[in-house]
C-alpha atoms as a PDB file:
ATOM      1  CA  MET A   1       0.000   0.000   0.000  1.00  0.00           C
ATOM      2  CA  ILE A   2       2.812   2.421   0.870  1.00  0.00           C
ATOM      3  CA  GLU A   3       4.514   1.856  -2.486  1.00  0.00           C
ATOM      4  CA  PHE A   4       1.205   2.434  -4.292  1.00  0.00           C
ATOM      5  CA  LEU A   5       0.473   5.718  -2.507  1.00  0.00           C
ATOM      6  CA  GLN A   6       4.020   7.035  -2.952  1.00  0.00           C
ATOM      7  CA  ALA A   7       3.419   7.172  -6.693  1.00  0.00           C
ATOM      8  CA  PHE A   8       0.958  10.044  -6.182  1.00  0.00           C
ATOM      9  CA  SER A   9       1.191  13.606  -4.901  1.00  0.00           C
ATOM     10  CA  PRO A  10       0.316  14.312  -1.225  1.00  0.00           C
ATOM     11  CA  ILE A  11      -2.953  15.931  -2.304  1.00  0.00           C
ATOM     12  CA  THR A  12      -3.990  12.826  -4.235  1.00  0.00           C
ATOM     13  CA  GLN A  13      -2.885  10.653  -1.322  1.00  0.00           C
ATOM     14  CA  ALA A  14      -5.067  12.699   1.035  1.00  0.00           C
ATOM     15  CA  LEU A  15      -7.980  12.399  -1.379  1.00  0.00           C
ATOM     16  CA  PHE A  16      -7.602   8.616  -1.614  1.00  0.00           C
ATOM     17  CA  ALA A  17      -7.341   8.339   2.165  1.00  0.00           C
ATOM     18  CA  THR A  18     -10.519  10.290   2.829  1.00  0.00           C
ATOM     19  CA  LEU A  19     -12.423   8.500   0.092  1.00  0.00           C
ATOM     20  CA  PHE A  20     -11.582   5.401   2.125  1.00  0.00           C
ATOM     21  CA  THR A  21     -12.821   6.972   5.385  1.00  0.00           C
ATOM     22  CA  TRP A  22     -15.986   8.106   3.575  1.00  0.00           C
ATOM     23  CA  GLY A  23     -16.478   4.545   2.374  1.00  0.00           C
ATOM     24  CA  VAL A  24     -16.122   3.228   5.925  1.00  0.00           C
ATOM     25  CA  THR A  25     -18.777   5.696   7.061  1.00  0.00           C
ATOM     26  CA  ALA A  26     -21.027   4.271   4.354  1.00  0.00           C
ATOM     27  CA  LEU A  27     -20.240   0.799   5.680  1.00  0.00           C
ATOM     28  CA  GLY A  28     -21.505   1.817   9.108  1.00  0.00           C
ATOM     29  CA  ALA A  29     -24.603   3.442   7.648  1.00  0.00           C
ATOM     30  CA  GLY A  30     -25.208   0.335   5.531  1.00  0.00           C
ATOM     31  CA  LEU A  31     -26.139  -1.656   8.632  1.00  0.00           C
ATOM     32  CA  VAL A  32     -29.640  -0.158   8.292  1.00  0.00           C
ATOM     33  CA  PHE A  33     -30.241  -2.633   5.468  1.00  0.00           C
ATOM     34  CA  PHE A  34     -30.016  -5.468   8.001  1.00  0.00           C
ATOM     35  CA  THR A  35     -31.620  -4.081  11.167  1.00  0.00           C
ATOM     36  CA  LYS A  36     -33.746  -1.205  12.443  1.00  0.00           C
ATOM     37  CA  GLN A  37     -32.192  -1.036  15.882  1.00  0.00           C
ATOM     38  CA  VAL A  38     -28.841  -1.381  17.599  1.00  0.00           C
ATOM     39  CA  HIS A  39     -28.807  -2.259  21.286  1.00  0.00           C
ATOM     40  CA  PRO A  40     -28.075   0.873  23.356  1.00  0.00           C
ATOM     41  CA  LYS A  41     -25.147  -0.832  25.093  1.00  0.00           C
ATOM     42  CA  LEU A  42     -23.529  -1.611  21.755  1.00  0.00           C
ATOM     43  CA  MET A  43     -24.168   1.890  20.414  1.00  0.00           C
ATOM     44  CA  ASP A  44     -22.761   3.505  23.551  1.00  0.00           C
ATOM     45  CA  SER A  45     -19.709   1.252  23.321  1.00  0.00           C
ATOM     46  CA  LEU A  46     -19.151   2.214  19.687  1.00  0.00           C
ATOM     47  CA  MET A  47     -19.456   5.924  20.443  1.00  0.00           C
ATOM     48  CA  GLY A  48     -17.057   5.565  23.378  1.00  0.00           C
ATOM     49  CA  PHE A  49     -14.635   3.656  21.160  1.00  0.00           C
ATOM     50  CA  ALA A  50     -14.815   6.445  18.564  1.00  0.00           C
ATOM     51  CA  ALA A  51     -14.056   9.028  21.255  1.00  0.00           C
ATOM     52  CA  GLY A  52     -11.027   7.057  22.415  1.00  0.00           C
ATOM     53  CA  VAL A  53      -9.685   6.810  18.872  1.00  0.00           C
ATOM     54  CA  MET A  54     -10.076  10.554  18.342  1.00  0.00           C
ATOM     55  CA  ILE A  55      -8.380  11.427  21.625  1.00  0.00           C
ATOM     56  CA  ALA A  56      -5.422   9.131  20.915  1.00  0.00           C
ATOM     57  CA  ALA A  57      -5.101  10.354  17.325  1.00  0.00           C
ATOM     58  CA  SER A  58      -5.158  13.944  18.559  1.00  0.00           C
ATOM     59  CA  PHE A  59      -2.078  13.360  20.676  1.00  0.00           C
ATOM     60  CA  TRP A  60      -0.043  10.625  18.978  1.00  0.00           C
ATOM     61  CA  SER A  61      -0.693  11.624  15.359  1.00  0.00           C
ATOM     62  CA  LEU A  62      -1.096  15.393  15.646  1.00  0.00           C
ATOM     63  CA  LEU A  63      -0.134  17.245  18.821  1.00  0.00           C
ATOM     64  CA  ALA A  64       3.052  15.354  19.746  1.00  0.00           C
ATOM     65  CA  PRO A  65       4.591  15.523  16.245  1.00  0.00           C
ATOM     66  CA  GLY A  66       3.548  19.177  16.019  1.00  0.00           C
ATOM     67  CA  ILE A  67       5.454  19.962  19.219  1.00  0.00           C
ATOM     68  CA  GLU A  68       8.471  18.012  17.949  1.00  0.00           C
ATOM     69  CA  MET A  69       8.453  19.848  14.624  1.00  0.00           C
ATOM     70  CA  ALA A  70       8.113  23.247  16.276  1.00  0.00           C
ATOM     71  CA  GLY A  71      11.227  22.553  18.348  1.00  0.00           C
ATOM     72  CA  HIS A  72      13.261  21.525  15.309  1.00  0.00           C
ATOM     73  CA  MET A  73      12.124  24.645  13.441  1.00  0.00           C
ATOM     74  CA  GLY A  74      13.329  26.955  16.189  1.00  0.00           C
ATOM     75  CA  GLN A  75       9.838  27.890  17.316  1.00  0.00           C
ATOM     76  CA  THR A  76       8.827  28.049  20.983  1.00  0.00           C
ATOM     77  CA  ALA A  77       7.321  24.575  20.968  1.00  0.00           C
ATOM     78  CA  TRP A  78       4.876  24.959  23.849  1.00  0.00           C
ATOM     79  CA  LEU A  79       3.609  28.292  22.537  1.00  0.00           C
ATOM     80  CA  THR A  80       3.069  26.902  19.034  1.00  0.00           C
ATOM     81  CA  ALA A  81       1.129  23.989  20.517  1.00  0.00           C
ATOM     82  CA  VAL A  82      -0.985  26.270  22.704  1.00  0.00           C
ATOM     83  CA  ILE A  83      -1.846  28.647  19.865  1.00  0.00           C
ATOM     84  CA  GLY A  84      -2.716  25.866  17.429  1.00  0.00           C
ATOM     85  CA  PHE A  85      -4.579  23.679  19.928  1.00  0.00           C
ATOM     86  CA  LEU A  86      -6.715  26.493  21.347  1.00  0.00           C
ATOM     87  CA  SER A  87      -7.413  27.829  17.856  1.00  0.00           C
ATOM     88  CA  GLY A  88      -8.775  24.426  16.834  1.00  0.00           C
ATOM     89  CA  GLY A  89     -11.062  24.289  19.846  1.00  0.00           C
ATOM     90  CA  VAL A  90     -12.278  27.866  19.345  1.00  0.00           C
ATOM     91  CA  PHE A  91     -12.924  27.227  15.665  1.00  0.00           C
ATOM     92  CA  MET A  92     -15.098  24.221  16.449  1.00  0.00           C
ATOM     93  CA  ARG A  93     -16.921  26.128  19.176  1.00  0.00           C
ATOM     94  CA  LEU A  94     -17.769  28.921  16.735  1.00  0.00           C
ATOM     95  CA  ALA A  95     -18.881  26.426  14.114  1.00  0.00           C
ATOM     96  CA  ASP A  96     -20.952  24.676  16.776  1.00  0.00           C
ATOM     97  CA  ARG A  97     -22.723  27.937  17.592  1.00  0.00           C
ATOM     98  CA  VAL A  98     -23.433  28.860  13.971  1.00  0.00           C
ATOM     99  CA  LEU A  99     -24.110  25.633  12.054  1.00  0.00           C
ATOM    100  CA  PRO A 100     -27.646  24.280  12.699  1.00  0.00           C
ATOM    101  CA  HIS A 101     -27.445  20.694  13.999  1.00  0.00           C
ATOM    102  CA  VAL A 102     -28.895  18.300  16.547  1.00  0.00           C
ATOM    103  CA  HIS A 103     -27.180  15.587  18.562  1.00  0.00           C
ATOM    104  CA  THR A 104     -28.210  12.027  17.765  1.00  0.00           C
ATOM    105  CA  ASN A 105     -29.723  11.379  21.215  1.00  0.00           C
ATOM    106  CA  LEU A 106     -31.920  14.515  21.191  1.00  0.00           C
ATOM    107  CA  ASP A 107     -34.983  15.659  19.274  1.00  0.00           C
ATOM    108  CA  VAL A 108     -35.239  18.712  17.064  1.00  0.00           C
ATOM    109  CA  ARG A 109     -36.370  20.917  19.969  1.00  0.00           C
ATOM    110  CA  HIS A 110     -32.818  20.729  21.312  1.00  0.00           C
ATOM    111  CA  SER A 111     -31.116  21.706  18.057  1.00  0.00           C
ATOM    112  CA  GLU A 112     -28.074  23.970  18.298  1.00  0.00           C
ATOM    113  CA  GLY A 113     -26.697  26.720  16.117  1.00  0.00           C
ATOM    114  CA  ILE A 114     -28.796  29.184  14.152  1.00  0.00           C
ATOM    115  CA  LYS A 115     -32.469  28.277  14.506  1.00  0.00           C
ATOM    116  CA  THR A 116     -34.070  26.878  11.364  1.00  0.00           C
ATOM    117  CA  SER A 117     -37.130  24.900  10.297  1.00  0.00           C
ATOM    118  CA  TRP A 118     -35.017  22.144   8.768  1.00  0.00           C
ATOM    119  CA  GLN A 119     -36.021  18.546   9.327  1.00  0.00           C
ATOM    120  CA  ARG A 120     -34.271  16.429  11.949  1.00  0.00           C
ATOM    121  CA  SER A 121     -32.650  14.299   9.250  1.00  0.00           C
ATOM    122  CA  THR A 122     -30.861  17.358   7.874  1.00  0.00           C
ATOM    123  CA  LEU A 123     -29.812  18.500  11.347  1.00  0.00           C
ATOM    124  CA  LEU A 124     -28.439  15.045  12.163  1.00  0.00           C
ATOM    125  CA  VAL A 125     -26.351  15.017   9.000  1.00  0.00           C
ATOM    126  CA  LEU A 126     -24.996  18.478   9.795  1.00  0.00           C
ATOM    127  CA  ALA A 127     -24.014  17.341  13.300  1.00  0.00           C
ATOM    128  CA  ILE A 128     -21.873  14.490  11.983  1.00  0.00           C
ATOM    129  CA  THR A 129     -20.607  16.673   9.143  1.00  0.00           C
ATOM    130  CA  LEU A 130     -19.322  19.068  11.790  1.00  0.00           C
ATOM    131  CA  HIS A 131     -17.389  16.116  13.298  1.00  0.00           C
ATOM    132  CA  ASN A 132     -15.904  15.152   9.981  1.00  0.00           C
ATOM    133  CA  ILE A 133     -14.382  18.534   9.115  1.00  0.00           C
ATOM    134  CA  PRO A 134     -11.463  18.238  11.595  1.00  0.00           C
ATOM    135  CA  GLU A 135     -11.086  14.536  10.817  1.00  0.00           C
ATOM    136  CA  GLY A 136     -10.679  15.203   7.102  1.00  0.00           C
ATOM    137  CA  ALA A 137      -8.377  18.149   7.752  1.00  0.00           C
ATOM    138  CA  ALA A 138      -6.208  16.039  10.065  1.00  0.00           C
ATOM    139  CA  VAL A 139      -5.749  13.380   7.404  1.00  0.00           C
ATOM    140  CA  GLY A 140      -4.962  16.014   4.777  1.00  0.00           C
ATOM    141  CA  ILE A 141      -2.395  17.688   7.014  1.00  0.00           C
ATOM    142  CA  ALA A 142      -0.721  14.322   7.695  1.00  0.00           C
ATOM    143  CA  TYR A 143      -0.274  13.640   3.985  1.00  0.00           C
ATOM    144  CA  GLY A 144       0.586  17.248   3.164  1.00  0.00           C
ATOM    145  CA  ALA A 145       3.443  17.030   5.661  1.00  0.00           C
ATOM    146  CA  LEU A 146       5.068  14.358   3.495  1.00  0.00           C
ATOM    147  CA  ALA A 147       5.799  16.983   0.849  1.00  0.00           C
ATOM    148  CA  HIS A 148       8.422  18.578   3.127  1.00  0.00           C
ATOM    149  CA  ASN A 149      10.477  15.381   3.601  1.00  0.00           C
ATOM    150  CA  LEU A 150      10.987  15.928   7.323  1.00  0.00           C
ATOM    151  CA  ASP A 151      13.427  13.234   8.382  1.00  0.00           C
ATOM    152  CA  TYR A 152      13.607  14.087  12.076  1.00  0.00           C
ATOM    153  CA  THR A 153      10.231  12.644  13.074  1.00  0.00           C
ATOM    154  CA  LEU A 154       8.689   9.288  12.213  1.00  0.00           C
ATOM    155  CA  SER A 155       5.280  10.834  12.908  1.00  0.00           C
ATOM    156  CA  THR A 156       5.341  12.461   9.472  1.00  0.00           C
ATOM    157  CA  SER A 157       6.071   9.217   7.642  1.00  0.00           C
ATOM    158  CA  MET A 158       3.744   7.584   5.137  1.00  0.00           C
ATOM    159  CA  ALA A 159       3.136   4.794   7.641  1.00  0.00           C
ATOM    160  CA  GLY A 160       2.086   7.346  10.249  1.00  0.00           C
ATOM    161  CA  ALA A 161      -0.358   8.967   7.829  1.00  0.00           C
ATOM    162  CA  ILE A 162      -1.811   5.563   6.976  1.00  0.00           C
ATOM    163  CA  ALA A 163      -2.176   4.774  10.698  1.00  0.00           C
ATOM    164  CA  LEU A 164      -4.156   7.999  11.163  1.00  0.00           C
ATOM    165  CA  THR A 165      -6.320   7.125   8.148  1.00  0.00           C
ATOM    166  CA  LEU A 166      -7.096   3.684   9.573  1.00  0.00           C
ATOM    167  CA  GLY A 167      -7.933   5.169  12.966  1.00  0.00           C
ATOM    168  CA  ILE A 168     -10.282   7.769  11.504  1.00  0.00           C
ATOM    169  CA  GLY A 169     -11.855   5.061   9.378  1.00  0.00           C
ATOM    170  CA  LEU A 170     -12.495   2.855  12.411  1.00  0.00           C
ATOM    171  CA  GLN A 171     -14.289   5.561  14.328  1.00  0.00           C
ATOM    172  CA  ASN A 172     -16.335   6.560  11.269  1.00  0.00           C
ATOM    173  CA  ILE A 173     -18.302   3.307  11.451  1.00  0.00           C
ATOM    174  CA  PRO A 174     -20.341   4.363  14.522  1.00  0.00           C
ATOM    175  CA  GLU A 175     -20.698   7.893  13.139  1.00  0.00           C
ATOM    176  CA  GLY A 176     -22.410   6.637   9.977  1.00  0.00           C
ATOM    177  CA  LEU A 177     -24.531   4.337  12.097  1.00  0.00           C
ATOM    178  CA  ALA A 178     -25.407   7.153  14.504  1.00  0.00           C
ATOM    179  CA  VAL A 179     -27.138   9.074  11.713  1.00  0.00           C
ATOM    180  CA  ALA A 180     -28.691   6.233   9.735  1.00  0.00           C
ATOM    181  CA  MET A 181     -30.143   4.135  12.555  1.00  0.00           C
ATOM    182  CA  PRO A 182     -32.266   6.846  14.274  1.00  0.00           C
ATOM    183  CA  LEU A 183     -33.733   7.798  10.894  1.00  0.00           C
ATOM    184  CA  ARG A 184     -34.567   4.169  10.155  1.00  0.00           C
ATOM    185  CA  ARG A 185     -36.299   3.813  13.531  1.00  0.00           C
ATOM    186  CA  GLN A 186     -38.361   6.908  12.773  1.00  0.00           C
ATOM    187  CA  GLY A 187     -39.802   5.319   9.658  1.00  0.00           C
ATOM    188  CA  GLN A 188     -37.427   6.488   6.936  1.00  0.00           C
ATOM    189  CA  SER A 189     -36.770   3.993   4.152  1.00  0.00           C
ATOM    190  CA  LYS A 190     -33.575   1.951   4.258  1.00  0.00           C
ATOM    191  CA  ARG A 191     -32.164   3.763   1.242  1.00  0.00           C
ATOM    192  CA  ARG A 192     -32.968   7.205   2.609  1.00  0.00           C
ATOM    193  CA  ALA A 193     -31.495   6.400   6.023  1.00  0.00           C
ATOM    194  CA  PHE A 194     -28.364   5.019   4.354  1.00  0.00           C
ATOM    195  CA  PHE A 195     -28.043   8.062   2.104  1.00  0.00           C
ATOM    196  CA  PHE A 196     -28.135  10.499   5.009  1.00  0.00           C
ATOM    197  CA  GLY A 197     -25.765   8.333   7.038  1.00  0.00           C
ATOM    198  CA  GLN A 198     -23.036   8.180   4.425  1.00  0.00           C
ATOM    199  CA  ILE A 199     -23.378  11.697   3.011  1.00  0.00           C
ATOM    200  CA  SER A 200     -22.255  13.156   6.338  1.00  0.00           C
ATOM    201  CA  ALA A 201     -18.683  12.097   5.485  1.00  0.00           C
ATOM    202  CA  ALA A 202     -18.672  13.749   2.054  1.00  0.00           C
ATOM    203  CA  VAL A 203     -16.963  16.771   3.604  1.00  0.00           C
ATOM    204  CA  GLU A 204     -13.869  14.754   4.565  1.00  0.00           C
ATOM    205  CA  PRO A 205     -12.226  14.688   1.100  1.00  0.00           C
ATOM    206  CA  VAL A 206     -12.849  18.417   0.738  1.00  0.00           C
ATOM    207  CA  ALA A 207     -11.345  19.188   4.150  1.00  0.00           C
ATOM    208  CA  ALA A 208      -8.423  16.833   3.451  1.00  0.00           C
ATOM    209  CA  VAL A 209      -7.489  18.476   0.152  1.00  0.00           C
ATOM    210  CA  PHE A 210      -7.710  21.913   1.770  1.00  0.00           C
ATOM    211  CA  GLY A 211      -5.557  20.792   4.720  1.00  0.00           C
ATOM    212  CA  ALA A 212      -2.930  19.242   2.445  1.00  0.00           C
ATOM    213  CA  LEU A 213      -2.785  22.324   0.225  1.00  0.00           C
ATOM    214  CA  LEU A 214      -2.428  24.606   3.231  1.00  0.00           C
ATOM    215  CA  VAL A 215       0.554  22.880   4.841  1.00  0.00           C
ATOM    216  CA  MET A 216       2.275  22.286   1.500  1.00  0.00           C
ATOM    217  CA  GLN A 217       2.498  26.046   0.941  1.00  0.00           C
ATOM    218  CA  SER A 218       4.846  26.639   3.859  1.00  0.00           C
ATOM    219  CA  VAL A 219       6.563  24.299   6.274  1.00  0.00           C
ATOM    220  CA  TRP A 220       6.410  26.757   9.195  1.00  0.00           C
ATOM    221  CA  ILE A 221       2.630  26.495   9.392  1.00  0.00           C
ATOM    222  CA  LEU A 222       2.720  22.712   9.768  1.00  0.00           C
ATOM    223  CA  PRO A 223       3.172  22.548  13.581  1.00  0.00           C
ATOM    224  CA  TYR A 224       0.325  25.027  14.046  1.00  0.00           C
ATOM    225  CA  ALA A 225      -1.891  23.058  11.665  1.00  0.00           C
ATOM    226  CA  LEU A 226      -1.236  19.773  13.470  1.00  0.00           C
ATOM    227  CA  ALA A 227      -2.038  21.333  16.848  1.00  0.00           C
ATOM    228  CA  PHE A 228      -5.127  23.012  15.354  1.00  0.00           C
ATOM    229  CA  ALA A 229      -6.465  19.682  14.095  1.00  0.00           C
ATOM    230  CA  ALA A 230      -5.769  18.121  17.498  1.00  0.00           C
ATOM    231  CA  GLY A 231      -7.728  20.827  19.316  1.00  0.00           C
ATOM    232  CA  ALA A 232     -10.652  20.504  16.914  1.00  0.00           C
ATOM    233  CA  MET A 233     -10.785  16.719  17.322  1.00  0.00           C
ATOM    234  CA  ILE A 234     -10.607  16.912  21.113  1.00  0.00           C
ATOM    235  CA  PHE A 235     -13.527  19.351  21.031  1.00  0.00           C
ATOM    236  CA  VAL A 236     -15.630  16.859  19.079  1.00  0.00           C
ATOM    237  CA  ALA A 237     -14.721  13.957  21.364  1.00  0.00           C
ATOM    238  CA  VAL A 238     -15.445  15.820  24.606  1.00  0.00           C
ATOM    239  CA  GLU A 239     -18.403  17.917  23.469  1.00  0.00           C
ATOM    240  CA  GLU A 240     -20.388  15.202  21.726  1.00  0.00           C
ATOM    241  CA  LEU A 241     -19.000  11.674  21.474  1.00  0.00           C
ATOM    242  CA  ILE A 242     -18.321  11.110  25.168  1.00  0.00           C
ATOM    243  CA  PRO A 243     -21.620  12.636  26.401  1.00  0.00           C
ATOM    244  CA  GLU A 244     -23.582  10.624  23.820  1.00  0.00           C
ATOM    245  CA  SER A 245     -21.800   7.407  24.757  1.00  0.00           C
ATOM    246  CA  GLN A 246     -22.908   7.874  28.377  1.00  0.00           C
ATOM    247  CA  SER A 247     -26.430   9.195  27.750  1.00  0.00           C
ATOM    248  CA  HIS A 248     -28.174   5.850  28.339  1.00  0.00           C
ATOM    249  CA  GLY A 249     -26.634   5.080  31.725  1.00  0.00           C
ATOM    250  CA  ASN A 250     -23.968   2.676  30.422  1.00  0.00           C
ATOM    251  CA  THR A 251     -21.207   4.848  31.829  1.00  0.00           C
ATOM    252  CA  ASP A 252     -18.729   2.142  32.859  1.00  0.00           C
ATOM    253  CA  LEU A 253     -19.131   0.257  29.597  1.00  0.00           C
ATOM    254  CA  ALA A 254     -18.735   3.412  27.525  1.00  0.00           C
ATOM    255  CA  THR A 255     -15.703   4.476  29.554  1.00  0.00           C
ATOM    256  CA  MET A 256     -13.968   1.134  29.026  1.00  0.00           C
ATOM    257  CA  ALA A 257     -14.788   1.324  25.304  1.00  0.00           C
ATOM    258  CA  THR A 258     -13.152   4.753  25.231  1.00  0.00           C
ATOM    259  CA  ILE A 259     -10.019   3.291  26.793  1.00  0.00           C
ATOM    260  CA  VAL A 260     -10.025   0.443  24.258  1.00  0.00           C
ATOM    261  CA  GLY A 261     -10.412   2.922  21.400  1.00  0.00           C
ATOM    262  CA  PHE A 262      -7.498   4.975  22.734  1.00  0.00           C
ATOM    263  CA  THR A 263      -5.377   1.832  23.023  1.00  0.00           C
ATOM    264  CA  VAL A 264      -6.155   0.663  19.483  1.00  0.00           C
ATOM    265  CA  MET A 265      -5.269   4.050  17.971  1.00  0.00           C
ATOM    266  CA  MET A 266      -2.129   4.293  20.096  1.00  0.00           C
ATOM    267  CA  CYS A 267      -1.007   0.873  18.864  1.00  0.00           C
ATOM    268  CA  LEU A 268      -1.729   1.827  15.247  1.00  0.00           C
ATOM    269  CA  ASP A 269       0.212   5.054  15.495  1.00  0.00           C
ATOM    270  CA  VAL A 270       3.169   3.797  17.525  1.00  0.00           C
ATOM    271  CA  GLY A 271       3.316   0.456  15.709  1.00  0.00           C
ATOM    272  CA  LEU A 272       3.013   1.818  12.166  1.00  0.00           C
ATOM    273  CA  GLY A 273       4.302   5.378  12.601  1.00  0.00           C
END
């Protein structure tokens, strides 16, 4: 796989990677063709697992290599990390306040962002789309970093970028399911529920190409971009995935699933990267 990807530019690599993560989201959404309901314990476990993956990816794949790069570039490493990380969180908070959306465990009366008369299906898709923006950007930044041939950190290797892609793909399964399954339970057709479930990840290739293009323009922005993506992903994990995973009272189960997700992503990143 590494040899195949190396034949393409970083932008094309990022596009391929996020087409894969989009496909995995569709795989999760596709479960609506086989069932109308997922047991709450399983759903909470999957959401907790996704949160653990995102938290681990934020540190091992993004924040830690960003700090390392900043030091090698002569930047004040901790300050670069703080600026980038907080900027990512603030960006997601602003997007959260503006973009109309509703969390998967709530009805339309509890929608957030600018008030609209949009249907719940649209608001659900927008909620997961909001998640997928930093995920796609993170993957794009990882592949864009390869254009600078940084040989002082293994975290910017092709293997490391592939590890991040696999991790994002794993946690996209419950995200696709989290949109499609509630719609199926509410009486939507299988095809319609599947369509809304998978389309939420369509933003990932766009965000990935933008992220790759951005960091390829100048190497100095790369540590900031990595920290930014980490802050944005932590926001998503803490603001939505973790609360949703514990919304049905399965707190211990969801917590252990979060730890497992963190462990899996850590092994992918350390083992491959």
